[in-house]
């Protein structure tokens, strides 16, 4: 969340180096926008997320492992180089804390949308 708030103080400007022959999908030569990947620069195995969610939700996932599917990637993580360059971003929230906060938000969000008894 801090990265998003920090970016509010730095509105994007058109990129003078933008080249239509070799476009950078994260910026623009005319419209002032900039896309950033906000996350951790270290991969976390999917099953680690699943186990953390199980722990925080207090339930066991029904896991059905399948062969790799079209569009699946064997490994991925956030490339935060642009964000680090522009606002000095460095991830500081451990995955355990992030999952715990997400579960708390998810529960609160859905509880607030239940009809009053």
PDB file of N, CA and C in Angstrom:
ATOM      1  N   UNK A   1       0.824  -1.193   0.000  1.00  0.00           N
ATOM      2  CA  UNK A   1       0.000   0.000   0.000  1.00  0.00           C
ATOM      3  C   UNK A   1       0.866   1.253   0.000  1.00  0.00           C
ATOM      4  N   UNK A   2       1.982   1.210   0.706  1.00  0.00           N
ATOM      5  CA  UNK A   2       2.853   2.375   0.767  1.00  0.00           C
ATOM      6  C   UNK A   2       3.335   2.768  -0.616  1.00  0.00           C
ATOM      7  N   UNK A   3       3.679   1.793  -1.448  1.00  0.00           N
ATOM      8  CA  UNK A   3       4.159   2.107  -2.803  1.00  0.00           C
ATOM      9  C   UNK A   3       3.089   2.866  -3.580  1.00  0.00           C
ATOM     10  N   UNK A   4       1.854   2.449  -3.466  1.00  0.00           N
ATOM     11  CA  UNK A   4       0.766   3.113  -4.191  1.00  0.00           C
ATOM     12  C   UNK A   4       0.599   4.542  -3.695  1.00  0.00           C
ATOM     13  N   UNK A   5       0.635   4.737  -2.383  1.00  0.00           N
ATOM     14  CA  UNK A   5       0.511   6.090  -1.830  1.00  0.00           C
ATOM     15  C   UNK A   5       1.701   6.959  -2.247  1.00  0.00           C
ATOM     16  N   UNK A   6       2.902   6.390  -2.232  1.00  0.00           N
ATOM     17  CA  UNK A   6       4.085   7.147  -2.655  1.00  0.00           C
ATOM     18  C   UNK A   6       3.980   7.568  -4.113  1.00  0.00           C
ATOM     19  N   UNK A   7       3.397   6.711  -4.947  1.00  0.00           N
ATOM     20  CA  UNK A   7       3.261   7.033  -6.372  1.00  0.00           C
ATOM     21  C   UNK A   7       2.271   8.169  -6.617  1.00  0.00           C
ATOM     22  N   UNK A   8       1.322   8.373  -5.694  1.00  0.00           N
ATOM     23  CA  UNK A   8       0.363   9.469  -5.856  1.00  0.00           C
ATOM     24  C   UNK A   8       1.064  10.826  -5.887  1.00  0.00           C
ATOM     25  N   UNK A   9       2.209  10.914  -5.227  1.00  0.00           N
ATOM     26  CA  UNK A   9       2.977  12.154  -5.204  1.00  0.00           C
ATOM     27  C   UNK A   9       3.867  12.323  -6.435  1.00  0.00           C
ATOM     28  N   UNK A  10       3.863  11.331  -7.317  1.00  0.00           N
ATOM     29  CA  UNK A  10       4.710  11.373  -8.516  1.00  0.00           C
ATOM     30  C   UNK A  10       3.875  11.054  -9.759  1.00  0.00           C
ATOM     31  N   UNK A  11       3.000  11.957 -10.168  1.00  0.00           N
ATOM     32  CA  UNK A  11       2.187  11.661 -11.355  1.00  0.00           C
ATOM     33  C   UNK A  11       3.083  11.442 -12.567  1.00  0.00           C
ATOM     34  N   UNK A  12       2.743  10.488 -13.419  1.00  0.00           N
ATOM     35  CA  UNK A  12       3.582  10.193 -14.574  1.00  0.00           C
ATOM     36  C   UNK A  12       3.550  11.307 -15.606  1.00  0.00           C
ATOM     37  N   UNK A  13       4.602  11.367 -16.381  1.00  0.00           N
ATOM     38  CA  UNK A  13       4.706  12.318 -17.488  1.00  0.00           C
ATOM     39  C   UNK A  13       4.951  11.522 -18.757  1.00  0.00           C
ATOM     40  N   UNK A  14       4.643  12.089 -19.915  1.00  0.00           N
ATOM     41  CA  UNK A  14       4.955  11.379 -21.151  1.00  0.00           C
ATOM     42  C   UNK A  14       6.443  11.050 -21.206  1.00  0.00           C
ATOM     43  N   UNK A  15       6.759   9.895 -21.757  1.00  0.00           N
ATOM     44  CA  UNK A  15       8.134   9.424 -21.866  1.00  0.00           C
ATOM     45  C   UNK A  15       8.724   9.926 -23.180  1.00  0.00           C
ATOM     46  N   UNK A  16       9.634  10.887 -23.104  1.00  0.00           N
ATOM     47  CA  UNK A  16      10.233  11.475 -24.313  1.00  0.00           C
ATOM     48  C   UNK A  16      11.038  10.452 -25.112  1.00  0.00           C
ATOM     49  N   UNK A  17      11.495   9.384 -24.462  1.00  0.00           N
ATOM     50  CA  UNK A  17      12.287   8.353 -25.151  1.00  0.00           C
ATOM     51  C   UNK A  17      11.419   7.249 -25.730  1.00  0.00           C
ATOM     52  N   UNK A  18      10.110   7.361 -25.595  1.00  0.00           N
ATOM     53  CA  UNK A  18       9.200   6.318 -26.075  1.00  0.00           C
ATOM     54  C   UNK A  18       9.301   6.202 -27.582  1.00  0.00           C
ATOM     55  N   UNK A  19       9.377   4.972 -28.083  1.00  0.00           N
ATOM     56  CA  UNK A  19       9.557   4.713 -29.509  1.00  0.00           C
ATOM     57  C   UNK A  19       8.450   3.780 -29.987  1.00  0.00           C
ATOM     58  N   UNK A  20       7.625   4.239 -30.910  1.00  0.00           N
ATOM     59  CA  UNK A  20       6.510   3.429 -31.418  1.00  0.00           C
ATOM     60  C   UNK A  20       7.008   2.162 -32.107  1.00  0.00           C
ATOM     61  N   UNK A  21       8.218   2.182 -32.642  1.00  0.00           N
ATOM     62  CA  UNK A  21       8.774   0.998 -33.298  1.00  0.00           C
ATOM     63  C   UNK A  21       9.187  -0.057 -32.266  1.00  0.00           C
ATOM     64  N   UNK A  22       9.520   0.390 -31.057  1.00  0.00           N
ATOM     65  CA  UNK A  22       9.889  -0.511 -29.963  1.00  0.00           C
ATOM     66  C   UNK A  22       9.199  -0.033 -28.689  1.00  0.00           C
ATOM     67  N   UNK A  23       7.873  -0.157 -28.640  1.00  0.00           N
ATOM     68  CA  UNK A  23       7.135   0.413 -27.510  1.00  0.00           C
ATOM     69  C   UNK A  23       7.412  -0.302 -26.189  1.00  0.00           C
ATOM     70  N   UNK A  24       7.428   0.482 -25.143  1.00  0.00           N
ATOM     71  CA  UNK A  24       7.522  -0.034 -23.784  1.00  0.00           C
ATOM     72  C   UNK A  24       6.091  -0.073 -23.247  1.00  0.00           C
ATOM     73  N   UNK A  25       5.528  -1.259 -23.018  1.00  0.00           N
ATOM     74  CA  UNK A  25       4.129  -1.320 -22.592  1.00  0.00           C
ATOM     75  C   UNK A  25       3.872  -0.701 -21.221  1.00  0.00           C
ATOM     76  N   UNK A  26       4.942  -0.376 -20.471  1.00  0.00           N
ATOM     77  CA  UNK A  26       4.755   0.206 -19.143  1.00  0.00           C
ATOM     78  C   UNK A  26       4.700   1.722 -19.171  1.00  0.00           C
ATOM     79  N   UNK A  27       4.897   2.343 -20.345  1.00  0.00           N
ATOM     80  CA  UNK A  27       4.843   3.803 -20.402  1.00  0.00           C
ATOM     81  C   UNK A  27       4.256   4.244 -21.729  1.00  0.00           C
ATOM     82  N   UNK A  28       4.230   5.551 -21.943  1.00  0.00           N
ATOM     83  CA  UNK A  28       3.610   6.097 -23.135  1.00  0.00           C
ATOM     84  C   UNK A  28       4.353   7.342 -23.589  1.00  0.00           C
ATOM     85  N   UNK A  29       4.309   7.572 -24.898  1.00  0.00           N
ATOM     86  CA  UNK A  29       4.920   8.774 -25.438  1.00  0.00           C
ATOM     87  C   UNK A  29       3.978   9.959 -25.416  1.00  0.00           C
ATOM     88  N   UNK A  30       2.693   9.705 -25.321  1.00  0.00           N
ATOM     89  CA  UNK A  30       1.721  10.801 -25.373  1.00  0.00           C
ATOM     90  C   UNK A  30       0.924  10.902 -24.071  1.00  0.00           C
ATOM     91  N   UNK A  31       0.151   9.876 -23.775  1.00  0.00           N
ATOM     92  CA  UNK A  31      -0.668   9.893 -22.563  1.00  0.00           C
ATOM     93  C   UNK A  31       0.223   9.623 -21.356  1.00  0.00           C
ATOM     94  N   UNK A  32       0.136  10.441 -20.340  1.00  0.00           N
ATOM     95  CA  UNK A  32       1.001  10.222 -19.177  1.00  0.00           C
ATOM     96  C   UNK A  32       0.495   9.076 -18.288  1.00  0.00           C
ATOM     97  N   UNK A  33       1.086   7.915 -18.458  1.00  0.00           N
ATOM     98  CA  UNK A  33       0.794   6.807 -17.560  1.00  0.00           C
ATOM     99  C   UNK A  33       2.055   5.988 -17.356  1.00  0.00           C
ATOM    100  N   UNK A  34       2.048   5.223 -16.304  1.00  0.00           N
ATOM    101  CA  UNK A  34       3.181   4.350 -15.991  1.00  0.00           C
ATOM    102  C   UNK A  34       2.628   3.141 -15.250  1.00  0.00           C
ATOM    103  N   UNK A  35       3.014   1.956 -15.662  1.00  0.00           N
ATOM    104  CA  UNK A  35       2.608   0.736 -14.988  1.00  0.00           C
ATOM    105  C   UNK A  35       3.759   0.208 -14.152  1.00  0.00           C
ATOM    106  N   UNK A  36       3.437  -0.201 -12.932  1.00  0.00           N
ATOM    107  CA  UNK A  36       4.439  -0.758 -12.037  1.00  0.00           C
ATOM    108  C   UNK A  36       3.975  -2.118 -11.547  1.00  0.00           C
ATOM    109  N   UNK A  37       4.933  -2.982 -11.315  1.00  0.00           N
ATOM    110  CA  UNK A  37       4.674  -4.280 -10.729  1.00  0.00           C
ATOM    111  C   UNK A  37       5.013  -4.150  -9.244  1.00  0.00           C
ATOM    112  N   UNK A  38       3.990  -4.167  -8.389  1.00  0.00           N
ATOM    113  CA  UNK A  38       4.203  -4.025  -6.955  1.00  0.00           C
ATOM    114  C   UNK A  38       4.125  -5.415  -6.339  1.00  0.00           C
ATOM    115  N   UNK A  39       5.189  -5.836  -5.731  1.00  0.00           N
ATOM    116  CA  UNK A  39       5.219  -7.155  -5.115  1.00  0.00           C
ATOM    117  C   UNK A  39       6.590  -7.423  -4.560  1.00  0.00           C
ATOM    118  N   UNK A  40       6.872  -8.690  -4.396  1.00  0.00           N
ATOM    119  CA  UNK A  40       8.170  -9.102  -3.893  1.00  0.00           C
ATOM    120  C   UNK A  40       9.060  -9.486  -5.066  1.00  0.00           C
ATOM    121  N   UNK A  41      10.328  -9.234  -4.916  1.00  0.00           N
ATOM    122  CA  UNK A  41      11.256  -9.591  -5.984  1.00  0.00           C
ATOM    123  C   UNK A  41      11.835 -10.992  -5.774  1.00  0.00           C
ATOM    124  N   UNK A  42      11.163 -11.773  -4.925  1.00  0.00           N
ATOM    125  CA  UNK A  42      11.584 -13.152  -4.680  1.00  0.00           C
ATOM    126  C   UNK A  42      10.390 -14.079  -4.920  1.00  0.00           C
ATOM    127  N   UNK A  43      10.606 -15.176  -5.640  1.00  0.00           N
ATOM    128  CA  UNK A  43       9.490 -16.095  -5.876  1.00  0.00           C
ATOM    129  C   UNK A  43       9.076 -16.828  -4.605  1.00  0.00           C
ATOM    130  N   UNK A  44       7.794 -17.173  -4.524  1.00  0.00           N
ATOM    131  CA  UNK A  44       7.252 -17.987  -3.432  1.00  0.00           C
ATOM    132  C   UNK A  44       6.512 -19.138  -4.100  1.00  0.00           C
ATOM    133  N   UNK A  45       6.811 -20.351  -3.686  1.00  0.00           N
ATOM    134  CA  UNK A  45       6.150 -21.507  -4.292  1.00  0.00           C
ATOM    135  C   UNK A  45       4.649 -21.469  -4.021  1.00  0.00           C
ATOM    136  N   UNK A  46       3.875 -21.857  -5.030  1.00  0.00           N
ATOM    137  CA  UNK A  46       2.414 -21.844  -4.929  1.00  0.00           C
ATOM    138  C   UNK A  46       1.931 -22.627  -3.717  1.00  0.00           C
ATOM    139  N   UNK A  47       2.507 -23.795  -3.474  1.00  0.00           N
ATOM    140  CA  UNK A  47       2.042 -24.604  -2.348  1.00  0.00           C
ATOM    141  C   UNK A  47       2.325 -23.920  -1.009  1.00  0.00           C
ATOM    142  N   UNK A  48       3.302 -23.055  -0.961  1.00  0.00           N
ATOM    143  CA  UNK A  48       3.550 -22.280   0.262  1.00  0.00           C
ATOM    144  C   UNK A  48       2.363 -21.361   0.526  1.00  0.00           C
ATOM    145  N   UNK A  49       1.876 -20.684  -0.543  1.00  0.00           N
ATOM    146  CA  UNK A  49       0.688 -19.842  -0.403  1.00  0.00           C
ATOM    147  C   UNK A  49      -0.515 -20.675   0.042  1.00  0.00           C
ATOM    148  N   UNK A  50      -0.680 -21.833  -0.581  1.00  0.00           N
ATOM    149  CA  UNK A  50      -1.821 -22.685  -0.241  1.00  0.00           C
ATOM    150  C   UNK A  50      -1.760 -23.074   1.229  1.00  0.00           C
ATOM    151  N   UNK A  51      -0.602 -23.505   1.703  1.00  0.00           N
ATOM    152  CA  UNK A  51      -0.456 -23.925   3.112  1.00  0.00           C
ATOM    153  C   UNK A  51      -0.697 -22.744   4.066  1.00  0.00           C
ATOM    154  N   UNK A  52      -0.207 -21.568   3.709  1.00  0.00           N
ATOM    155  CA  UNK A  52      -0.449 -20.392   4.547  1.00  0.00           C
ATOM    156  C   UNK A  52      -1.936 -20.050   4.590  1.00  0.00           C
ATOM    157  N   UNK A  53      -2.609 -20.111   3.447  1.00  0.00           N
ATOM    158  CA  UNK A  53      -4.049 -19.853   3.415  1.00  0.00           C
ATOM    159  C   UNK A  53      -4.803 -20.885   4.251  1.00  0.00           C
ATOM    160  N   UNK A  54      -4.424 -22.147   4.124  1.00  0.00           N
ATOM    161  CA  UNK A  54      -5.062 -23.180   4.944  1.00  0.00           C
ATOM    162  C   UNK A  54      -4.913 -22.861   6.433  1.00  0.00           C
ATOM    163  N   UNK A  55      -3.702 -22.498   6.814  1.00  0.00           N
ATOM    164  CA  UNK A  55      -3.421 -22.186   8.220  1.00  0.00           C
ATOM    165  C   UNK A  55      -4.249 -21.001   8.698  1.00  0.00           C
ATOM    166  N   UNK A  56      -4.254 -19.912   7.932  1.00  0.00           N
ATOM    167  CA  UNK A  56      -4.941 -18.689   8.360  1.00  0.00           C
ATOM    168  C   UNK A  56      -6.462 -18.821   8.289  1.00  0.00           C
ATOM    169  N   UNK A  57      -6.960 -19.648   7.363  1.00  0.00           N
ATOM    170  CA  UNK A  57      -8.401 -19.843   7.233  1.00  0.00           C
ATOM    171  C   UNK A  57      -8.918 -20.963   8.136  1.00  0.00           C
ATOM    172  N   UNK A  58      -7.995 -21.789   8.636  1.00  0.00           N
ATOM    173  CA  UNK A  58      -8.401 -22.892   9.501  1.00  0.00           C
ATOM    174  C   UNK A  58      -9.134 -23.984   8.754  1.00  0.00           C
ATOM    175  N   UNK A  59      -8.746 -24.222   7.516  1.00  0.00           N
ATOM    176  CA  UNK A  59      -9.370 -25.283   6.719  1.00  0.00           C
ATOM    177  C   UNK A  59      -8.341 -25.901   5.789  1.00  0.00           C
ATOM    178  N   UNK A  60      -8.685 -27.044   5.262  1.00  0.00           N
ATOM    179  CA  UNK A  60      -7.800 -27.756   4.357  1.00  0.00           C
ATOM    180  C   UNK A  60      -8.301 -27.589   2.929  1.00  0.00           C
ATOM    181  N   UNK A  61      -7.399 -27.257   2.041  1.00  0.00           N
ATOM    182  CA  UNK A  61      -7.755 -27.089   0.629  1.00  0.00           C
ATOM    183  C   UNK A  61      -7.971 -28.449  -0.028  1.00  0.00           C
ATOM    184  N   UNK A  62      -8.901 -28.510  -0.941  1.00  0.00           N
ATOM    185  CA  UNK A  62      -9.118 -29.697  -1.771  1.00  0.00           C
ATOM    186  C   UNK A  62      -8.214 -29.521  -2.994  1.00  0.00           C
ATOM    187  N   UNK A  63      -7.053 -30.142  -2.966  1.00  0.00           N
ATOM    188  CA  UNK A  63      -6.037 -29.929  -3.994  1.00  0.00           C
ATOM    189  C   UNK A  63      -6.107 -31.041  -5.028  1.00  0.00           C
ATOM    190  N   UNK A  64      -6.202 -30.645  -6.268  1.00  0.00           N
ATOM    191  CA  UNK A  64      -6.200 -31.588  -7.388  1.00  0.00           C
ATOM    192  C   UNK A  64      -5.106 -31.157  -8.357  1.00  0.00           C
ATOM    193  N   UNK A  65      -3.962 -31.792  -8.245  1.00  0.00           N
ATOM    194  CA  UNK A  65      -2.824 -31.428  -9.081  1.00  0.00           C
ATOM    195  C   UNK A  65      -3.023 -31.946 -10.504  1.00  0.00           C
ATOM    196  N   UNK A  66      -2.800 -31.091 -11.462  1.00  0.00           N
ATOM    197  CA  UNK A  66      -2.930 -31.423 -12.881  1.00  0.00           C
ATOM    198  C   UNK A  66      -1.615 -31.127 -13.572  1.00  0.00           C
ATOM    199  N   UNK A  67      -1.429 -31.681 -14.758  1.00  0.00           N
ATOM    200  CA  UNK A  67      -0.237 -31.303 -15.521  1.00  0.00           C
ATOM    201  C   UNK A  67      -0.278 -29.805 -15.835  1.00  0.00           C
ATOM    202  N   UNK A  68       0.882 -29.243 -16.138  1.00  0.00           N
ATOM    203  CA  UNK A  68       0.945 -27.820 -16.478  1.00  0.00           C
ATOM    204  C   UNK A  68      -0.054 -27.524 -17.606  1.00  0.00           C
ATOM    205  N   UNK A  69      -0.767 -26.424 -17.470  1.00  0.00           N
ATOM    206  CA  UNK A  69      -1.820 -26.049 -18.406  1.00  0.00           C
ATOM    207  C   UNK A  69      -1.332 -24.937 -19.338  1.00  0.00           C
ATOM    208  N   UNK A  70      -1.968 -24.794 -20.512  1.00  0.00           N
ATOM    209  CA  UNK A  70      -1.585 -23.688 -21.399  1.00  0.00           C
ATOM    210  C   UNK A  70      -1.696 -22.354 -20.655  1.00  0.00           C
ATOM    211  N   UNK A  71      -0.657 -21.554 -20.734  1.00  0.00           N
ATOM    212  CA  UNK A  71      -0.635 -20.265 -20.051  1.00  0.00           C
ATOM    213  C   UNK A  71       0.044 -20.325 -18.701  1.00  0.00           C
ATOM    214  N   UNK A  72       0.195 -21.522 -18.127  1.00  0.00           N
ATOM    215  CA  UNK A  72       0.915 -21.656 -16.853  1.00  0.00           C
ATOM    216  C   UNK A  72       2.390 -21.338 -17.067  1.00  0.00           C
ATOM    217  N   UNK A  73       3.019 -20.827 -16.050  1.00  0.00           N
ATOM    218  CA  UNK A  73       4.456 -20.576 -16.106  1.00  0.00           C
ATOM    219  C   UNK A  73       5.105 -21.313 -14.940  1.00  0.00           C
ATOM    220  N   UNK A  74       6.298 -21.848 -15.147  1.00  0.00           N
ATOM    221  CA  UNK A  74       6.928 -22.617 -14.078  1.00  0.00           C
ATOM    222  C   UNK A  74       7.397 -21.758 -12.900  1.00  0.00           C
ATOM    223  N   UNK A  75       7.728 -20.501 -13.150  1.00  0.00           N
ATOM    224  CA  UNK A  75       8.169 -19.614 -12.070  1.00  0.00           C
ATOM    225  C   UNK A  75       7.903 -18.170 -12.480  1.00  0.00           C
ATOM    226  N   UNK A  76       7.523 -17.357 -11.508  1.00  0.00           N
ATOM    227  CA  UNK A  76       7.290 -15.942 -11.771  1.00  0.00           C
ATOM    228  C   UNK A  76       7.441 -15.162 -10.471  1.00  0.00           C
ATOM    229  N   UNK A  77       7.819 -13.927 -10.594  1.00  0.00           N
ATOM    230  CA  UNK A  77       7.887 -13.018  -9.457  1.00  0.00           C
ATOM    231  C   UNK A  77       7.914 -11.610 -10.006  1.00  0.00           C
ATOM    232  N   UNK A  78       7.711 -10.649  -9.135  1.00  0.00           N
ATOM    233  CA  UNK A  78       7.596  -9.263  -9.557  1.00  0.00           C
ATOM    234  C   UNK A  78       8.956  -8.682  -9.936  1.00  0.00           C
ATOM    235  N   UNK A  79       8.998  -8.005 -11.069  1.00  0.00           N
ATOM    236  CA  UNK A  79      10.178  -7.228 -11.445  1.00  0.00           C
ATOM    237  C   UNK A  79       9.924  -5.819 -10.920  1.00  0.00           C
ATOM    238  N   UNK A  80      10.588  -5.472  -9.829  1.00  0.00           N
ATOM    239  CA  UNK A  80      10.334  -4.197  -9.155  1.00  0.00           C
ATOM    240  C   UNK A  80      11.395  -3.152  -9.474  1.00  0.00           C
ATOM    241  N   UNK A  81      12.218  -3.408 -10.492  1.00  0.00           N
ATOM    242  CA  UNK A  81      13.315  -2.490 -10.806  1.00  0.00           C
ATOM    243  C   UNK A  81      12.835  -1.061 -11.038  1.00  0.00           C
ATOM    244  N   UNK A  82      11.772  -0.877 -11.837  1.00  0.00           N
ATOM    245  CA  UNK A  82      11.275   0.476 -12.115  1.00  0.00           C
ATOM    246  C   UNK A  82      10.748   1.152 -10.855  1.00  0.00           C
ATOM    247  N   UNK A  83      10.052   0.407 -10.046  1.00  0.00           N
ATOM    248  CA  UNK A  83       9.495   0.953  -8.805  1.00  0.00           C
ATOM    249  C   UNK A  83      10.612   1.319  -7.823  1.00  0.00           C
ATOM    250  N   UNK A  84      11.633   0.485  -7.759  1.00  0.00           N
ATOM    251  CA  UNK A  84      12.780   0.786  -6.896  1.00  0.00           C
ATOM    252  C   UNK A  84      13.496   2.043  -7.388  1.00  0.00           C
ATOM    253  N   UNK A  85      13.652   2.161  -8.697  1.00  0.00           N
ATOM    254  CA  UNK A  85      14.318   3.333  -9.269  1.00  0.00           C
ATOM    255  C   UNK A  85      13.518   4.609  -9.024  1.00  0.00           C
ATOM    256  N   UNK A  86      12.207   4.549  -9.222  1.00  0.00           N
ATOM    257  CA  UNK A  86      11.388   5.762  -9.179  1.00  0.00           C
ATOM    258  C   UNK A  86      11.028   6.238  -7.775  1.00  0.00           C
ATOM    259  N   UNK A  87      10.813   5.316  -6.845  1.00  0.00           N
ATOM    260  CA  UNK A  87      10.424   5.759  -5.495  1.00  0.00           C
ATOM    261  C   UNK A  87      11.217   5.068  -4.391  1.00  0.00           C
ATOM    262  N   UNK A  88      12.230   4.294  -4.759  1.00  0.00           N
ATOM    263  CA  UNK A  88      13.033   3.619  -3.752  1.00  0.00           C
ATOM    264  C   UNK A  88      12.329   2.452  -3.087  1.00  0.00           C
ATOM    265  N   UNK A  89      11.342   1.884  -3.779  1.00  0.00           N
ATOM    266  CA  UNK A  89      10.555   0.782  -3.218  1.00  0.00           C
ATOM    267  C   UNK A  89      11.428  -0.442  -2.959  1.00  0.00           C
ATOM    268  N   UNK A  90      11.228  -1.043  -1.812  1.00  0.00           N
ATOM    269  CA  UNK A  90      11.832  -2.330  -1.472  1.00  0.00           C
ATOM    270  C   UNK A  90      10.793  -3.112  -0.675  1.00  0.00           C
ATOM    271  N   UNK A  91      10.465  -4.331  -1.105  1.00  0.00           N
ATOM    272  CA  UNK A  91       9.444  -5.087  -0.385  1.00  0.00           C
ATOM    273  C   UNK A  91       9.876  -5.360   1.051  1.00  0.00           C
ATOM    274  N   UNK A  92       8.937  -5.199   1.972  1.00  0.00           N
ATOM    275  CA  UNK A  92       9.273  -5.363   3.387  1.00  0.00           C
ATOM    276  C   UNK A  92       8.288  -6.266   4.126  1.00  0.00           C
ATOM    277  N   UNK A  93       7.209  -6.678   3.478  1.00  0.00           N
ATOM    278  CA  UNK A  93       6.198  -7.492   4.136  1.00  0.00           C
ATOM    279  C   UNK A  93       6.453  -8.966   3.842  1.00  0.00           C
ATOM    280  N   UNK A  94       6.757  -9.766   4.861  1.00  0.00           N
ATOM    281  CA  UNK A  94       6.933 -11.201   4.625  1.00  0.00           C
ATOM    282  C   UNK A  94       5.628 -11.826   4.137  1.00  0.00           C
ATOM    283  N   UNK A  95       5.728 -12.875   3.338  1.00  0.00           N
ATOM    284  CA  UNK A  95       4.547 -13.511   2.767  1.00  0.00           C
ATOM    285  C   UNK A  95       3.582 -13.962   3.859  1.00  0.00           C
ATOM    286  N   UNK A  96       4.095 -14.416   4.987  1.00  0.00           N
ATOM    287  CA  UNK A  96       3.223 -14.861   6.084  1.00  0.00           C
ATOM    288  C   UNK A  96       2.348 -13.712   6.584  1.00  0.00           C
ATOM    289  N   UNK A  97       2.926 -12.539   6.699  1.00  0.00           N
ATOM    290  CA  UNK A  97       2.187 -11.358   7.173  1.00  0.00           C
ATOM    291  C   UNK A  97       1.191 -10.910   6.098  1.00  0.00           C
ATOM    292  N   UNK A  98       1.619 -10.909   4.846  1.00  0.00           N
ATOM    293  CA  UNK A  98       0.735 -10.504   3.759  1.00  0.00           C
ATOM    294  C   UNK A  98      -0.487 -11.395   3.645  1.00  0.00           C
ATOM    295  N   UNK A  99      -0.295 -12.704   3.752  1.00  0.00           N
ATOM    296  CA  UNK A  99      -1.429 -13.638   3.679  1.00  0.00           C
ATOM    297  C   UNK A  99      -2.343 -13.447   4.874  1.00  0.00           C
ATOM    298  N   UNK A 100      -1.774 -13.268   6.054  1.00  0.00           N
ATOM    299  CA  UNK A 100      -2.590 -13.044   7.244  1.00  0.00           C
ATOM    300  C   UNK A 100      -3.436 -11.775   7.098  1.00  0.00           C
ATOM    301  N   UNK A 101      -2.836 -10.703   6.603  1.00  0.00           N
ATOM    302  CA  UNK A 101      -3.580  -9.448   6.398  1.00  0.00           C
ATOM    303  C   UNK A 101      -4.660  -9.613   5.342  1.00  0.00           C
ATOM    304  N   UNK A 102      -4.342 -10.356   4.273  1.00  0.00           N
ATOM    305  CA  UNK A 102      -5.335 -10.580   3.220  1.00  0.00           C
ATOM    306  C   UNK A 102      -6.532 -11.340   3.777  1.00  0.00           C
ATOM    307  N   UNK A 103      -6.280 -12.392   4.534  1.00  0.00           N
ATOM    308  CA  UNK A 103      -7.380 -13.187   5.097  1.00  0.00           C
ATOM    309  C   UNK A 103      -8.232 -12.326   6.028  1.00  0.00           C
ATOM    310  N   UNK A 104      -7.600 -11.498   6.840  1.00  0.00           N
ATOM    311  CA  UNK A 104      -8.353 -10.610   7.740  1.00  0.00           C
ATOM    312  C   UNK A 104      -9.214  -9.640   6.926  1.00  0.00           C
ATOM    313  N   UNK A 105      -8.634  -9.046   5.883  1.00  0.00           N
ATOM    314  CA  UNK A 105      -9.402  -8.138   5.033  1.00  0.00           C
ATOM    315  C   UNK A 105     -10.549  -8.881   4.367  1.00  0.00           C
ATOM    316  N   UNK A 106     -10.283 -10.050   3.807  1.00  0.00           N
ATOM    317  CA  UNK A 106     -11.290 -10.836   3.096  1.00  0.00           C
ATOM    318  C   UNK A 106     -12.473 -11.145   4.007  1.00  0.00           C
ATOM    319  N   UNK A 107     -12.178 -11.588   5.218  1.00  0.00           N
ATOM    320  CA  UNK A 107     -13.253 -11.907   6.164  1.00  0.00           C
ATOM    321  C   UNK A 107     -14.066 -10.667   6.527  1.00  0.00           C
ATOM    322  N   UNK A 108     -13.384  -9.574   6.806  1.00  0.00           N
ATOM    323  CA  UNK A 108     -14.078  -8.342   7.164  1.00  0.00           C
ATOM    324  C   UNK A 108     -14.930  -7.835   5.997  1.00  0.00           C
ATOM    325  N   UNK A 109     -14.360  -7.858   4.812  1.00  0.00           N
ATOM    326  CA  UNK A 109     -15.059  -7.391   3.618  1.00  0.00           C
ATOM    327  C   UNK A 109     -16.344  -8.176   3.394  1.00  0.00           C
ATOM    328  N   UNK A 110     -16.261  -9.485   3.454  1.00  0.00           N
ATOM    329  CA  UNK A 110     -17.441 -10.300   3.188  1.00  0.00           C
ATOM    330  C   UNK A 110     -18.426 -10.286   4.346  1.00  0.00           C
ATOM    331  N   UNK A 111     -17.943 -10.126   5.568  1.00  0.00           N
ATOM    332  CA  UNK A 111     -18.856 -10.031   6.707  1.00  0.00           C
ATOM    333  C   UNK A 111     -19.676  -8.744   6.624  1.00  0.00           C
ATOM    334  N   UNK A 112     -19.058  -7.683   6.105  1.00  0.00           N
ATOM    335  CA  UNK A 112     -19.766  -6.398   6.018  1.00  0.00           C
ATOM    336  C   UNK A 112     -20.816  -6.391   4.918  1.00  0.00           C
ATOM    337  N   UNK A 113     -20.817  -7.383   4.056  1.00  0.00           N
ATOM    338  CA  UNK A 113     -21.775  -7.453   2.962  1.00  0.00           C
ATOM    339  C   UNK A 113     -22.894  -8.439   3.219  1.00  0.00           C
ATOM    340  N   UNK A 114     -22.915  -9.022   4.409  1.00  0.00           N
ATOM    341  CA  UNK A 114     -23.980  -9.938   4.769  1.00  0.00           C
ATOM    342  C   UNK A 114     -25.205  -9.116   5.155  1.00  0.00           C
ATOM    343  N   UNK A 115     -26.377  -9.575   4.749  1.00  0.00           N
ATOM    344  CA  UNK A 115     -27.599  -8.854   5.137  1.00  0.00           C
ATOM    345  C   UNK A 115     -27.761  -8.870   6.662  1.00  0.00           C
ATOM    346  N   UNK A 116     -28.284  -7.786   7.182  1.00  0.00           N
ATOM    347  CA  UNK A 116     -28.515  -7.683   8.623  1.00  0.00           C
ATOM    348  C   UNK A 116     -29.569  -8.705   9.046  1.00  0.00           C
ATOM    349  N   UNK A 117     -29.356  -9.317  10.181  1.00  0.00           N
ATOM    350  CA  UNK A 117     -30.295 -10.351  10.674  1.00  0.00           C
ATOM    351  C   UNK A 117     -31.481  -9.722  11.357  1.00  0.00           C
TER     352      UNK A 117
END
